[in-house]
């Protein structure tokens, strides 16, 4: 895709240096320290609001949705636009409906909002043919995980446990993949999309996620321990797929990060890429399997 977008010579996105910027590539790997410090600051806040649940938790998801919509708009259009404002309103409507306990309506609002985003953006002069599709896809890409997380957290009895397990699996996958990939190396997982990812890293992430699943089953006394472990391992693969998808999207727009909100991590979309695919997957399994799956019986 041509990142300049408009056939009329619209300037390319400038939210951060291009992927092939030598200055960006020359930055020291001490960024790991910055990543850890950011995580130490943000993780307790996220966990505290998750524990509180209710309005505090839903407010966090609403804020995250708006910030991700803002990043997506800048990614697609290179700046704040009327279409971006529409996306933010769509996020508030869809995620807000989920926060009100209307998950089904939230999904419907999201799909309608995506259609409106496409139609209105396509009608604007100077927009490339692909950009309306990107903007409409962003509505679903951002709203769906937020709706899924809100719905899972609201599950009676064990909603908190499910979310904490999900977050632990995602974090363990990232940590396991990072250290296994750097320590073992070997064949690349998807060199054209993310040159640093390796098959060893994927294996390390799966092992770490399986360990989290086993720990959760023991600590929380979930009867179906083998099922939880296998599902956790599967989620590691899904989360890594989300990471690769985010990398592919950024490559399509020739940027390194989706934003610069979180030091060492880039934007919120960069930090939550694994959750963007894992959360809807957990919600889908729970929805299809009913209370039995959600309760891990």
C-alpha atoms as a PDB file:
ATOM      1  CA  UNK A   1       0.000   0.000   0.000  1.00  0.00           C
ATOM      2  CA  UNK A   2       1.144   3.520  -0.769  1.00  0.00           C
ATOM      3  CA  UNK A   3       1.415   5.293   2.567  1.00  0.00           C
ATOM      4  CA  UNK A   4       0.927   8.704   0.945  1.00  0.00           C
ATOM      5  CA  UNK A   5      -2.696   7.702   0.503  1.00  0.00           C
ATOM      6  CA  UNK A   6      -4.286  10.445  -1.554  1.00  0.00           C
ATOM      7  CA  UNK A   7      -3.764  10.589  -5.250  1.00  0.00           C
ATOM      8  CA  UNK A   8      -3.538  14.345  -4.861  1.00  0.00           C
ATOM      9  CA  UNK A   9      -0.163  14.209  -3.087  1.00  0.00           C
ATOM     10  CA  UNK A  10      -1.231  14.009   0.534  1.00  0.00           C
ATOM     11  CA  UNK A  11       1.747  14.000   2.905  1.00  0.00           C
ATOM     12  CA  UNK A  12       2.677  10.629   4.452  1.00  0.00           C
ATOM     13  CA  UNK A  13       2.099   9.945   8.134  1.00  0.00           C
ATOM     14  CA  UNK A  14       4.751  11.514  10.360  1.00  0.00           C
ATOM     15  CA  UNK A  15       3.890  10.068  13.746  1.00  0.00           C
ATOM     16  CA  UNK A  16       7.360   8.591  14.081  1.00  0.00           C
ATOM     17  CA  UNK A  17      10.480   7.814  12.022  1.00  0.00           C
ATOM     18  CA  UNK A  18      10.168   5.427   9.074  1.00  0.00           C
ATOM     19  CA  UNK A  19      11.141   1.830   9.614  1.00  0.00           C
ATOM     20  CA  UNK A  20      14.328   2.204   7.613  1.00  0.00           C
ATOM     21  CA  UNK A  21      15.484   5.360   9.410  1.00  0.00           C
ATOM     22  CA  UNK A  22      19.176   4.730  10.292  1.00  0.00           C
ATOM     23  CA  UNK A  23      18.950   6.952  13.361  1.00  0.00           C
ATOM     24  CA  UNK A  24      16.066   4.882  14.690  1.00  0.00           C
ATOM     25  CA  UNK A  25      17.834   1.598  14.062  1.00  0.00           C
ATOM     26  CA  UNK A  26      20.993   2.890  15.762  1.00  0.00           C
ATOM     27  CA  UNK A  27      19.301   3.435  19.105  1.00  0.00           C
ATOM     28  CA  UNK A  28      20.865   1.317  21.876  1.00  0.00           C
ATOM     29  CA  UNK A  29      19.155  -1.821  23.077  1.00  0.00           C
ATOM     30  CA  UNK A  30      18.990  -0.267  26.540  1.00  0.00           C
ATOM     31  CA  UNK A  31      15.388   0.421  25.551  1.00  0.00           C
ATOM     32  CA  UNK A  32      14.627  -2.761  27.489  1.00  0.00           C
ATOM     33  CA  UNK A  33      15.211  -0.825  30.705  1.00  0.00           C
ATOM     34  CA  UNK A  34      12.736   1.814  29.581  1.00  0.00           C
ATOM     35  CA  UNK A  35      10.199  -0.874  28.703  1.00  0.00           C
ATOM     36  CA  UNK A  36      10.531  -2.422  32.144  1.00  0.00           C
ATOM     37  CA  UNK A  37      10.153   0.927  33.895  1.00  0.00           C
ATOM     38  CA  UNK A  38       7.033   1.736  31.877  1.00  0.00           C
ATOM     39  CA  UNK A  39       5.565  -1.663  32.726  1.00  0.00           C
ATOM     40  CA  UNK A  40       6.318  -1.198  36.424  1.00  0.00           C
ATOM     41  CA  UNK A  41       4.390   2.072  36.379  1.00  0.00           C
ATOM     42  CA  UNK A  42       1.435   1.056  34.196  1.00  0.00           C
ATOM     43  CA  UNK A  43       0.878  -2.558  35.259  1.00  0.00           C
ATOM     44  CA  UNK A  44      -0.117  -1.780  38.875  1.00  0.00           C
ATOM     45  CA  UNK A  45      -2.578   0.846  37.649  1.00  0.00           C
ATOM     46  CA  UNK A  46      -4.139  -1.544  35.150  1.00  0.00           C
ATOM     47  CA  UNK A  47      -4.297  -4.351  37.696  1.00  0.00           C
ATOM     48  CA  UNK A  48      -5.775  -2.088  40.353  1.00  0.00           C
ATOM     49  CA  UNK A  49      -8.559  -0.888  38.066  1.00  0.00           C
ATOM     50  CA  UNK A  50      -9.138  -4.459  36.907  1.00  0.00           C
ATOM     51  CA  UNK A  51      -9.542  -5.550  40.509  1.00  0.00           C
ATOM     52  CA  UNK A  52     -12.019  -2.752  41.216  1.00  0.00           C
ATOM     53  CA  UNK A  53     -14.097  -3.604  38.153  1.00  0.00           C
ATOM     54  CA  UNK A  54     -17.314  -1.731  37.472  1.00  0.00           C
ATOM     55  CA  UNK A  55     -17.109   1.916  36.455  1.00  0.00           C
ATOM     56  CA  UNK A  56     -13.368   2.171  37.158  1.00  0.00           C
ATOM     57  CA  UNK A  57     -12.521  -0.760  34.906  1.00  0.00           C
ATOM     58  CA  UNK A  58     -14.959   0.255  32.172  1.00  0.00           C
ATOM     59  CA  UNK A  59     -13.633   3.805  32.273  1.00  0.00           C
ATOM     60  CA  UNK A  60     -10.118   2.484  31.693  1.00  0.00           C
ATOM     61  CA  UNK A  61     -11.338   0.542  28.651  1.00  0.00           C
ATOM     62  CA  UNK A  62     -13.184   3.574  27.292  1.00  0.00           C
ATOM     63  CA  UNK A  63     -10.059   5.705  27.641  1.00  0.00           C
ATOM     64  CA  UNK A  64      -7.921   3.011  26.029  1.00  0.00           C
ATOM     65  CA  UNK A  65     -10.368   2.746  23.119  1.00  0.00           C
ATOM     66  CA  UNK A  66     -10.281   6.496  22.498  1.00  0.00           C
ATOM     67  CA  UNK A  67      -6.479   6.627  22.646  1.00  0.00           C
ATOM     68  CA  UNK A  68      -6.144   3.672  20.277  1.00  0.00           C
ATOM     69  CA  UNK A  69      -8.664   5.252  17.900  1.00  0.00           C
ATOM     70  CA  UNK A  70      -6.568   8.419  17.947  1.00  0.00           C
ATOM     71  CA  UNK A  71      -3.422   6.421  17.170  1.00  0.00           C
ATOM     72  CA  UNK A  72      -5.194   4.555  14.382  1.00  0.00           C
ATOM     73  CA  UNK A  73      -6.378   7.807  12.811  1.00  0.00           C
ATOM     74  CA  UNK A  74      -2.872   9.265  12.866  1.00  0.00           C
ATOM     75  CA  UNK A  75      -1.519   5.999  11.475  1.00  0.00           C
ATOM     76  CA  UNK A  76      -3.944   6.028   8.544  1.00  0.00           C
ATOM     77  CA  UNK A  77      -4.193   9.770   7.866  1.00  0.00           C
ATOM     78  CA  UNK A  78      -1.046  11.301   9.317  1.00  0.00           C
ATOM     79  CA  UNK A  79      -2.940  13.646  11.620  1.00  0.00           C
ATOM     80  CA  UNK A  80      -6.254  14.464  13.233  1.00  0.00           C
ATOM     81  CA  UNK A  81      -9.151  14.380  10.759  1.00  0.00           C
ATOM     82  CA  UNK A  82     -12.936  14.486  10.757  1.00  0.00           C
ATOM     83  CA  UNK A  83     -12.889  10.775  10.017  1.00  0.00           C
ATOM     84  CA  UNK A  84     -10.787  10.272  13.136  1.00  0.00           C
ATOM     85  CA  UNK A  85     -13.347  12.117  15.216  1.00  0.00           C
ATOM     86  CA  UNK A  86     -15.981   9.770  13.837  1.00  0.00           C
ATOM     87  CA  UNK A  87     -13.913   6.767  14.868  1.00  0.00           C
ATOM     88  CA  UNK A  88     -13.551   8.106  18.400  1.00  0.00           C
ATOM     89  CA  UNK A  89     -17.306   8.647  18.648  1.00  0.00           C
ATOM     90  CA  UNK A  90     -17.806   5.106  17.367  1.00  0.00           C
ATOM     91  CA  UNK A  91     -15.452   3.787  20.046  1.00  0.00           C
ATOM     92  CA  UNK A  92     -17.375   5.626  22.743  1.00  0.00           C
ATOM     93  CA  UNK A  93     -20.718   4.333  21.446  1.00  0.00           C
ATOM     94  CA  UNK A  94     -19.714   0.689  21.014  1.00  0.00           C
ATOM     95  CA  UNK A  95     -17.549   0.304  24.113  1.00  0.00           C
ATOM     96  CA  UNK A  96     -19.978   2.428  26.128  1.00  0.00           C
ATOM     97  CA  UNK A  97     -22.825   0.061  25.250  1.00  0.00           C
ATOM     98  CA  UNK A  98     -20.695  -2.860  26.447  1.00  0.00           C
ATOM     99  CA  UNK A  99     -19.924  -0.985  29.664  1.00  0.00           C
ATOM    100  CA  UNK A 100     -23.675  -0.595  30.183  1.00  0.00           C
ATOM    101  CA  UNK A 101     -24.064  -4.375  30.008  1.00  0.00           C
ATOM    102  CA  UNK A 102     -25.364  -4.410  26.435  1.00  0.00           C
ATOM    103  CA  UNK A 103     -22.683  -6.494  24.721  1.00  0.00           C
ATOM    104  CA  UNK A 104     -24.968  -7.578  21.875  1.00  0.00           C
ATOM    105  CA  UNK A 105     -25.969  -3.993  21.117  1.00  0.00           C
ATOM    106  CA  UNK A 106     -22.327  -2.967  21.389  1.00  0.00           C
ATOM    107  CA  UNK A 107     -21.388  -5.387  18.602  1.00  0.00           C
ATOM    108  CA  UNK A 108     -24.192  -4.063  16.421  1.00  0.00           C
ATOM    109  CA  UNK A 109     -23.185  -0.451  17.064  1.00  0.00           C
ATOM    110  CA  UNK A 110     -19.595  -1.296  16.194  1.00  0.00           C
ATOM    111  CA  UNK A 111     -20.537  -2.826  12.843  1.00  0.00           C
ATOM    112  CA  UNK A 112     -22.810   0.093  11.986  1.00  0.00           C
ATOM    113  CA  UNK A 113     -20.098   2.558  13.000  1.00  0.00           C
ATOM    114  CA  UNK A 114     -17.574   0.738  10.804  1.00  0.00           C
ATOM    115  CA  UNK A 115     -19.942   1.033   7.857  1.00  0.00           C
ATOM    116  CA  UNK A 116     -20.499   4.725   8.519  1.00  0.00           C
ATOM    117  CA  UNK A 117     -16.757   5.310   8.855  1.00  0.00           C
ATOM    118  CA  UNK A 118     -16.217   3.726   5.455  1.00  0.00           C
ATOM    119  CA  UNK A 119     -19.068   5.589   3.754  1.00  0.00           C
ATOM    120  CA  UNK A 120     -18.208   9.021   5.137  1.00  0.00           C
ATOM    121  CA  UNK A 121     -14.484   8.648   4.602  1.00  0.00           C
ATOM    122  CA  UNK A 122     -14.983   7.384   1.044  1.00  0.00           C
ATOM    123  CA  UNK A 123     -17.089  10.453   0.310  1.00  0.00           C
ATOM    124  CA  UNK A 124     -14.313  12.833   1.340  1.00  0.00           C
ATOM    125  CA  UNK A 125     -12.310  14.240  -1.521  1.00  0.00           C
ATOM    126  CA  UNK A 126      -8.638  13.422  -1.797  1.00  0.00           C
ATOM    127  CA  UNK A 127      -8.856  10.098   0.049  1.00  0.00           C
ATOM    128  CA  UNK A 128      -7.291   7.019  -1.513  1.00  0.00           C
ATOM    129  CA  UNK A 129      -9.495   4.029  -2.223  1.00  0.00           C
ATOM    130  CA  UNK A 130      -7.861   1.934   0.476  1.00  0.00           C
ATOM    131  CA  UNK A 131      -7.908   4.442   3.303  1.00  0.00           C
ATOM    132  CA  UNK A 132     -11.679   4.196   3.982  1.00  0.00           C
ATOM    133  CA  UNK A 133     -11.233   0.434   4.359  1.00  0.00           C
ATOM    134  CA  UNK A 134      -8.388   0.938   6.841  1.00  0.00           C
ATOM    135  CA  UNK A 135     -10.389   3.410   8.903  1.00  0.00           C
ATOM    136  CA  UNK A 136     -13.482   1.195   8.952  1.00  0.00           C
ATOM    137  CA  UNK A 137     -11.378  -1.837   9.881  1.00  0.00           C
ATOM    138  CA  UNK A 138      -9.918   0.169  12.753  1.00  0.00           C
ATOM    139  CA  UNK A 139     -13.359   0.547  14.331  1.00  0.00           C
ATOM    140  CA  UNK A 140     -13.761  -3.232  14.537  1.00  0.00           C
ATOM    141  CA  UNK A 141     -10.105  -3.890  15.346  1.00  0.00           C
ATOM    142  CA  UNK A 142     -10.206  -1.600  18.384  1.00  0.00           C
ATOM    143  CA  UNK A 143     -13.773  -1.931  19.637  1.00  0.00           C
ATOM    144  CA  UNK A 144     -14.075  -5.714  19.490  1.00  0.00           C
ATOM    145  CA  UNK A 145     -11.285  -6.507  22.006  1.00  0.00           C
ATOM    146  CA  UNK A 146     -12.525  -3.771  24.370  1.00  0.00           C
ATOM    147  CA  UNK A 147     -16.066  -5.149  24.242  1.00  0.00           C
ATOM    148  CA  UNK A 148     -14.747  -8.682  24.807  1.00  0.00           C
ATOM    149  CA  UNK A 149     -12.693  -7.658  27.850  1.00  0.00           C
ATOM    150  CA  UNK A 150     -15.596  -5.747  29.403  1.00  0.00           C
ATOM    151  CA  UNK A 151     -17.933  -8.703  28.842  1.00  0.00           C
ATOM    152  CA  UNK A 152     -15.483 -11.193  30.325  1.00  0.00           C
ATOM    153  CA  UNK A 153     -14.792  -9.029  33.382  1.00  0.00           C
ATOM    154  CA  UNK A 154     -18.533  -8.761  34.054  1.00  0.00           C
ATOM    155  CA  UNK A 155     -18.963 -12.550  34.181  1.00  0.00           C
ATOM    156  CA  UNK A 156     -20.529 -13.426  37.537  1.00  0.00           C
ATOM    157  CA  UNK A 157     -18.259 -15.151  40.032  1.00  0.00           C
ATOM    158  CA  UNK A 158     -15.018 -15.532  38.115  1.00  0.00           C
ATOM    159  CA  UNK A 159     -14.790 -12.548  35.773  1.00  0.00           C
ATOM    160  CA  UNK A 160     -11.826 -11.115  37.668  1.00  0.00           C
ATOM    161  CA  UNK A 161      -9.983 -14.445  37.604  1.00  0.00           C
ATOM    162  CA  UNK A 162     -10.538 -14.811  33.849  1.00  0.00           C
ATOM    163  CA  UNK A 163      -9.147 -11.354  33.094  1.00  0.00           C
ATOM    164  CA  UNK A 164      -6.143 -11.780  35.391  1.00  0.00           C
ATOM    165  CA  UNK A 165      -5.390 -15.140  33.786  1.00  0.00           C
ATOM    166  CA  UNK A 166      -5.728 -13.613  30.297  1.00  0.00           C
ATOM    167  CA  UNK A 167      -3.389 -10.729  31.129  1.00  0.00           C
ATOM    168  CA  UNK A 168      -0.888 -13.084  32.740  1.00  0.00           C
ATOM    169  CA  UNK A 169      -0.881 -15.306  29.654  1.00  0.00           C
ATOM    170  CA  UNK A 170      -0.266 -12.323  27.351  1.00  0.00           C
ATOM    171  CA  UNK A 171       2.528 -10.926  29.519  1.00  0.00           C
ATOM    172  CA  UNK A 172       4.148 -14.338  29.962  1.00  0.00           C
ATOM    173  CA  UNK A 173       4.012 -14.910  26.208  1.00  0.00           C
ATOM    174  CA  UNK A 174       5.796 -11.621  25.539  1.00  0.00           C
ATOM    175  CA  UNK A 175       8.449 -12.264  28.185  1.00  0.00           C
ATOM    176  CA  UNK A 176       9.025 -15.890  27.184  1.00  0.00           C
ATOM    177  CA  UNK A 177       9.224 -15.001  23.493  1.00  0.00           C
ATOM    178  CA  UNK A 178      11.645 -12.144  24.138  1.00  0.00           C
ATOM    179  CA  UNK A 179      14.159 -14.080  26.194  1.00  0.00           C
ATOM    180  CA  UNK A 180      13.926 -17.314  24.187  1.00  0.00           C
ATOM    181  CA  UNK A 181      14.264 -15.407  20.945  1.00  0.00           C
ATOM    182  CA  UNK A 182      17.318 -13.466  22.112  1.00  0.00           C
ATOM    183  CA  UNK A 183      18.905 -16.360  23.974  1.00  0.00           C
ATOM    184  CA  UNK A 184      18.371 -19.105  21.394  1.00  0.00           C
ATOM    185  CA  UNK A 185      17.849 -17.293  18.111  1.00  0.00           C
ATOM    186  CA  UNK A 186      17.574 -19.535  15.086  1.00  0.00           C
ATOM    187  CA  UNK A 187      15.195 -19.455  12.110  1.00  0.00           C
ATOM    188  CA  UNK A 188      12.998 -16.395  11.733  1.00  0.00           C
ATOM    189  CA  UNK A 189       9.273 -16.712  12.266  1.00  0.00           C
ATOM    190  CA  UNK A 190       8.150 -14.130   9.699  1.00  0.00           C
ATOM    191  CA  UNK A 191      11.215 -12.236   8.445  1.00  0.00           C
ATOM    192  CA  UNK A 192       9.329 -10.020   6.021  1.00  0.00           C
ATOM    193  CA  UNK A 193       6.938  -8.818   8.721  1.00  0.00           C
ATOM    194  CA  UNK A 194       8.985  -8.857  11.919  1.00  0.00           C
ATOM    195  CA  UNK A 195      12.660  -9.700  11.319  1.00  0.00           C
ATOM    196  CA  UNK A 196      13.499 -10.145  15.011  1.00  0.00           C
ATOM    197  CA  UNK A 197      10.890 -12.800  15.794  1.00  0.00           C
ATOM    198  CA  UNK A 198      12.049 -16.418  15.771  1.00  0.00           C
ATOM    199  CA  UNK A 199      10.459 -19.838  16.055  1.00  0.00           C
ATOM    200  CA  UNK A 200      12.414 -20.276  19.290  1.00  0.00           C
ATOM    201  CA  UNK A 201      10.746 -17.135  20.602  1.00  0.00           C
ATOM    202  CA  UNK A 202       7.324 -18.492  19.730  1.00  0.00           C
ATOM    203  CA  UNK A 203       8.156 -21.758  21.514  1.00  0.00           C
ATOM    204  CA  UNK A 204       9.383 -19.839  24.548  1.00  0.00           C
ATOM    205  CA  UNK A 205       6.178 -17.826  24.641  1.00  0.00           C
ATOM    206  CA  UNK A 206       4.064 -20.986  24.405  1.00  0.00           C
ATOM    207  CA  UNK A 207       5.965 -22.638  27.256  1.00  0.00           C
ATOM    208  CA  UNK A 208       5.620 -19.548  29.450  1.00  0.00           C
ATOM    209  CA  UNK A 209       1.899 -19.295  28.679  1.00  0.00           C
ATOM    210  CA  UNK A 210       1.426 -22.986  29.483  1.00  0.00           C
ATOM    211  CA  UNK A 211       3.152 -22.448  32.821  1.00  0.00           C
ATOM    212  CA  UNK A 212       0.748 -19.597  33.592  1.00  0.00           C
ATOM    213  CA  UNK A 213      -2.190 -21.829  32.692  1.00  0.00           C
ATOM    214  CA  UNK A 214      -0.948 -24.579  35.001  1.00  0.00           C
ATOM    215  CA  UNK A 215      -0.377 -22.104  37.844  1.00  0.00           C
ATOM    216  CA  UNK A 216      -3.830 -20.570  37.390  1.00  0.00           C
ATOM    217  CA  UNK A 217      -5.495 -23.969  37.420  1.00  0.00           C
ATOM    218  CA  UNK A 218      -3.779 -24.842  40.705  1.00  0.00           C
ATOM    219  CA  UNK A 219      -4.134 -21.499  42.485  1.00  0.00           C
ATOM    220  CA  UNK A 220      -7.725 -20.875  41.375  1.00  0.00           C
ATOM    221  CA  UNK A 221      -8.735 -24.520  41.688  1.00  0.00           C
ATOM    222  CA  UNK A 222      -9.977 -24.802  38.102  1.00  0.00           C
ATOM    223  CA  UNK A 223     -10.900 -28.466  37.627  1.00  0.00           C
ATOM    224  CA  UNK A 224     -10.000 -28.824  33.944  1.00  0.00           C
ATOM    225  CA  UNK A 225      -6.285 -28.134  34.315  1.00  0.00           C
ATOM    226  CA  UNK A 226      -5.222 -29.828  31.027  1.00  0.00           C
ATOM    227  CA  UNK A 227      -7.797 -27.785  29.123  1.00  0.00           C
ATOM    228  CA  UNK A 228      -6.640 -24.541  30.733  1.00  0.00           C
ATOM    229  CA  UNK A 229      -2.994 -25.332  29.933  1.00  0.00           C
ATOM    230  CA  UNK A 230      -3.745 -26.174  26.297  1.00  0.00           C
ATOM    231  CA  UNK A 231      -5.924 -23.117  25.896  1.00  0.00           C
ATOM    232  CA  UNK A 232      -3.194 -20.932  27.392  1.00  0.00           C
ATOM    233  CA  UNK A 233      -0.668 -22.341  24.922  1.00  0.00           C
ATOM    234  CA  UNK A 234      -3.093 -21.720  22.076  1.00  0.00           C
ATOM    235  CA  UNK A 235      -3.588 -18.147  23.236  1.00  0.00           C
ATOM    236  CA  UNK A 236       0.176 -17.627  23.077  1.00  0.00           C
ATOM    237  CA  UNK A 237       0.061 -18.477  19.380  1.00  0.00           C
ATOM    238  CA  UNK A 238      -2.961 -16.207  18.869  1.00  0.00           C
ATOM    239  CA  UNK A 239      -1.265 -13.362  20.748  1.00  0.00           C
ATOM    240  CA  UNK A 240       1.887 -13.719  18.663  1.00  0.00           C
ATOM    241  CA  UNK A 241      -0.341 -13.641  15.604  1.00  0.00           C
ATOM    242  CA  UNK A 242      -1.761 -10.367  16.853  1.00  0.00           C
ATOM    243  CA  UNK A 243       1.760  -9.040  17.290  1.00  0.00           C
ATOM    244  CA  UNK A 244       2.628  -9.994  13.714  1.00  0.00           C
ATOM    245  CA  UNK A 245      -0.600  -8.457  12.417  1.00  0.00           C
ATOM    246  CA  UNK A 246       0.225  -5.161  14.128  1.00  0.00           C
ATOM    247  CA  UNK A 247       3.715  -5.292  12.620  1.00  0.00           C
ATOM    248  CA  UNK A 248       2.248  -5.900   9.166  1.00  0.00           C
ATOM    249  CA  UNK A 249      -0.098  -2.930   9.572  1.00  0.00           C
ATOM    250  CA  UNK A 250       2.778  -0.657  10.568  1.00  0.00           C
ATOM    251  CA  UNK A 251       4.827  -1.862   7.628  1.00  0.00           C
ATOM    252  CA  UNK A 252       1.920  -1.033   5.332  1.00  0.00           C
ATOM    253  CA  UNK A 253       2.153   2.563   6.557  1.00  0.00           C
ATOM    254  CA  UNK A 254       5.968   2.519   6.791  1.00  0.00           C
ATOM    255  CA  UNK A 255       6.202   3.480  10.458  1.00  0.00           C
ATOM    256  CA  UNK A 256       8.098   1.951  13.350  1.00  0.00           C
ATOM    257  CA  UNK A 257       5.485   2.428  16.102  1.00  0.00           C
ATOM    258  CA  UNK A 258       1.805   3.286  16.200  1.00  0.00           C
ATOM    259  CA  UNK A 259       2.572   6.205  18.519  1.00  0.00           C
ATOM    260  CA  UNK A 260       4.791   7.388  21.343  1.00  0.00           C
ATOM    261  CA  UNK A 261       2.444   7.317  24.321  1.00  0.00           C
ATOM    262  CA  UNK A 262       4.337   4.674  26.305  1.00  0.00           C
ATOM    263  CA  UNK A 263       8.133   5.087  26.642  1.00  0.00           C
ATOM    264  CA  UNK A 264       9.950   2.018  25.356  1.00  0.00           C
ATOM    265  CA  UNK A 265       6.789   0.483  23.905  1.00  0.00           C
ATOM    266  CA  UNK A 266       5.560   3.031  21.386  1.00  0.00           C
ATOM    267  CA  UNK A 267       1.818   3.494  21.256  1.00  0.00           C
ATOM    268  CA  UNK A 268      -1.017   1.775  23.040  1.00  0.00           C
ATOM    269  CA  UNK A 269      -1.712  -0.305  19.942  1.00  0.00           C
ATOM    270  CA  UNK A 270       1.889  -1.538  20.094  1.00  0.00           C
ATOM    271  CA  UNK A 271       1.564  -2.538  23.753  1.00  0.00           C
ATOM    272  CA  UNK A 272      -1.815  -4.254  23.426  1.00  0.00           C
ATOM    273  CA  UNK A 273      -1.298  -6.023  20.102  1.00  0.00           C
ATOM    274  CA  UNK A 274      -1.447  -9.515  21.621  1.00  0.00           C
ATOM    275  CA  UNK A 275      -4.541  -8.706  23.652  1.00  0.00           C
ATOM    276  CA  UNK A 276      -6.300  -7.417  20.528  1.00  0.00           C
ATOM    277  CA  UNK A 277      -6.545 -10.952  19.158  1.00  0.00           C
ATOM    278  CA  UNK A 278      -6.490 -13.003  22.373  1.00  0.00           C
ATOM    279  CA  UNK A 279      -9.402 -11.278  24.148  1.00  0.00           C
ATOM    280  CA  UNK A 280     -11.951 -11.829  21.338  1.00  0.00           C
ATOM    281  CA  UNK A 281     -10.787 -15.448  21.111  1.00  0.00           C
ATOM    282  CA  UNK A 282     -11.448 -16.077  24.806  1.00  0.00           C
ATOM    283  CA  UNK A 283     -14.825 -14.329  24.553  1.00  0.00           C
ATOM    284  CA  UNK A 284     -15.770 -16.398  21.488  1.00  0.00           C
ATOM    285  CA  UNK A 285     -14.895 -19.677  23.231  1.00  0.00           C
ATOM    286  CA  UNK A 286     -16.857 -18.621  26.318  1.00  0.00           C
ATOM    287  CA  UNK A 287     -19.812 -17.537  24.194  1.00  0.00           C
ATOM    288  CA  UNK A 288     -19.899 -20.720  22.145  1.00  0.00           C
ATOM    289  CA  UNK A 289     -19.275 -23.040  25.076  1.00  0.00           C
ATOM    290  CA  UNK A 290     -21.527 -21.229  27.520  1.00  0.00           C
ATOM    291  CA  UNK A 291     -21.035 -21.013  31.258  1.00  0.00           C
ATOM    292  CA  UNK A 292     -19.338 -24.421  31.343  1.00  0.00           C
ATOM    293  CA  UNK A 293     -16.317 -23.133  29.411  1.00  0.00           C
ATOM    294  CA  UNK A 294     -16.245 -19.797  31.174  1.00  0.00           C
ATOM    295  CA  UNK A 295     -16.169 -21.574  34.543  1.00  0.00           C
ATOM    296  CA  UNK A 296     -13.518 -24.035  33.241  1.00  0.00           C
ATOM    297  CA  UNK A 297     -15.653 -27.015  34.148  1.00  0.00           C
END
